[in-house]
Amino acid sequence: MSSILENLGDRVSKLRKEKDWSQEKLATLLNTNRNKISAIEAGKDDVGLVLIEAMSTVFDVKIAYLLGLEATTINIASGNADKFINQGSNNTLNINIPPELIDEIKKMFGGKS
């Protein structure tokens, strides 16, 4: 299981690359240095709340997402859903799935990750 620091590092690296930013550019936006960004991405550096909040703002994501604590909700429509949910809910089952399992589940059901 990944630690919060590893989750944070993975997410920061992924988001930075999606924006096509260098570590240097991200460091400038966060008022820190490239070595700090490198250590964060490697999951080897404690990060204060002020910096986490700044990352959340710069990347426009929730802090829970950065820390790998936010689950994704998917809906499953099923004629048998009434076994799992209360009546009157249109046969929909909401399931909270940890982010690290989403790609695996998509593959199981023939979806692309």
Protein backbone atom coordinates (compact mmCIF):
# COMPACT_ATOMS: atom_id res chain seq x y z
CA MET A 1 0.00 0.00 0.00
CA SER A 2 1.28 3.46 -0.87
CA SER A 3 2.01 6.05 1.76
CA ILE A 4 0.46 9.50 1.65
CA LEU A 5 3.83 10.96 0.63
CA GLU A 6 4.10 8.48 -2.25
CA ASN A 7 0.53 9.27 -3.34
CA LEU A 8 1.29 12.98 -3.22
CA GLY A 9 4.50 12.51 -5.21
CA ASP A 10 2.75 10.41 -7.88
CA ARG A 11 -0.09 12.92 -8.24
CA VAL A 12 2.20 15.97 -8.36
CA SER A 13 4.38 14.32 -11.01
CA LYS A 14 1.36 13.28 -13.08
CA LEU A 15 -0.33 16.69 -12.89
CA ARG A 16 2.92 18.53 -13.64
CA LYS A 17 3.54 16.40 -16.72
CA GLU A 18 -0.06 16.83 -17.91
CA LYS A 19 0.53 20.58 -17.88
CA ASP A 20 3.89 20.06 -19.62
CA TRP A 21 5.68 21.93 -16.85
CA SER A 22 9.27 21.35 -15.78
CA GLN A 23 10.05 20.83 -12.12
CA GLU A 24 11.69 24.26 -12.25
CA LYS A 25 8.50 25.92 -13.51
CA LEU A 26 6.39 24.23 -10.83
CA ALA A 27 8.93 25.25 -8.19
CA THR A 28 8.66 28.86 -9.34
CA LEU A 29 4.84 28.75 -9.20
CA LEU A 30 5.01 27.31 -5.68
CA ASN A 31 7.76 29.67 -4.51
CA THR A 32 10.16 26.82 -3.73
CA ASN A 33 13.08 25.15 -5.54
CA ARG A 34 13.47 22.31 -8.04
CA ASN A 35 15.16 20.04 -5.47
CA LYS A 36 12.08 20.29 -3.24
CA ILE A 37 9.78 19.34 -6.16
CA SER A 38 12.05 16.42 -7.05
CA ALA A 39 11.98 15.15 -3.47
CA ILE A 40 8.18 15.54 -3.28
CA GLU A 41 7.69 13.61 -6.53
CA ALA A 42 9.96 10.86 -5.21
CA GLY A 43 7.81 10.63 -2.07
CA LYS A 44 10.85 11.42 0.07
CA ASP A 45 10.02 14.81 1.51
CA ASP A 46 7.58 15.93 4.17
CA VAL A 47 5.35 18.64 2.79
CA GLY A 48 3.70 21.33 4.88
CA LEU A 49 0.04 22.28 4.61
CA VAL A 50 0.84 25.65 3.06
CA LEU A 51 2.66 23.97 0.17
CA ILE A 52 -0.04 21.31 -0.25
CA GLU A 53 -2.68 24.05 -0.38
CA ALA A 54 -0.61 25.94 -2.97
CA MET A 55 -0.32 22.76 -5.08
CA SER A 56 -4.07 22.28 -4.85
CA THR A 57 -4.58 25.82 -6.14
CA VAL A 58 -1.95 25.63 -8.90
CA PHE A 59 -3.28 22.29 -10.22
CA ASP A 60 -6.94 23.16 -9.50
CA VAL A 61 -7.59 19.89 -7.64
CA LYS A 62 -8.78 19.00 -4.15
CA ILE A 63 -6.23 18.40 -1.42
CA ALA A 64 -7.78 14.96 -0.83
CA TYR A 65 -7.00 14.08 -4.46
CA LEU A 66 -3.37 15.15 -4.07
CA LEU A 67 -3.02 12.95 -1.00
CA GLY A 68 -4.72 9.96 -2.66
CA LEU A 69 -7.57 10.02 -0.16
CA GLU A 70 -10.44 10.77 -2.53
CA ALA A 71 -12.49 7.85 -3.80
CA THR A 72 -14.34 7.85 -7.09
CA THR A 73 -18.03 7.06 -7.23
CA ILE A 74 -19.40 5.04 -10.12
CA ASN A 75 -22.98 4.10 -10.83
CA ILE A 76 -24.00 0.59 -11.77
CA ALA A 77 -27.45 0.13 -13.24
CA SER A 78 -28.86 -3.29 -12.59
CA GLY A 79 -32.19 -5.04 -12.45
CA ASN A 80 -30.89 -6.81 -9.33
CA ALA A 81 -29.68 -3.66 -7.60
CA ASP A 82 -32.69 -3.77 -5.28
CA LYS A 83 -30.85 -6.49 -3.33
CA PHE A 84 -28.25 -3.91 -2.37
CA ILE A 85 -30.11 -0.61 -2.11
CA ASN A 86 -33.36 0.81 -0.83
CA GLN A 87 -36.46 0.67 -2.96
CA GLY A 88 -37.25 3.71 -5.06
CA SER A 89 -33.69 4.46 -6.11
CA ASN A 90 -34.09 3.62 -9.82
CA ASN A 91 -32.03 0.42 -9.56
CA THR A 92 -28.75 2.30 -9.24
CA LEU A 93 -25.97 1.22 -6.93
CA ASN A 94 -23.35 3.78 -5.91
CA ILE A 95 -19.97 2.33 -4.99
CA ASN A 96 -16.97 4.25 -3.66
CA ILE A 97 -13.80 2.94 -5.25
CA PRO A 98 -10.28 3.96 -4.21
CA PRO A 99 -8.53 5.84 -7.04
CA GLU A 100 -5.74 3.25 -7.36
CA LEU A 101 -8.28 0.56 -8.33
CA ILE A 102 -10.18 2.46 -11.05
CA ASP A 103 -7.91 1.40 -13.95
CA GLU A 104 -7.99 -2.23 -12.81
CA ILE A 105 -11.79 -2.23 -12.67
CA LYS A 106 -12.09 -0.58 -16.08
CA LYS A 107 -9.89 -3.32 -17.56
CA MET A 108 -12.03 -6.03 -15.96
CA PHE A 109 -15.10 -4.63 -17.69
CA GLY A 110 -13.38 -4.09 -21.02
CA GLY A 111 -12.87 -0.34 -20.61
CA LYS A 112 -9.71 1.57 -21.37
CA SER A 113 -7.62 2.90 -18.51
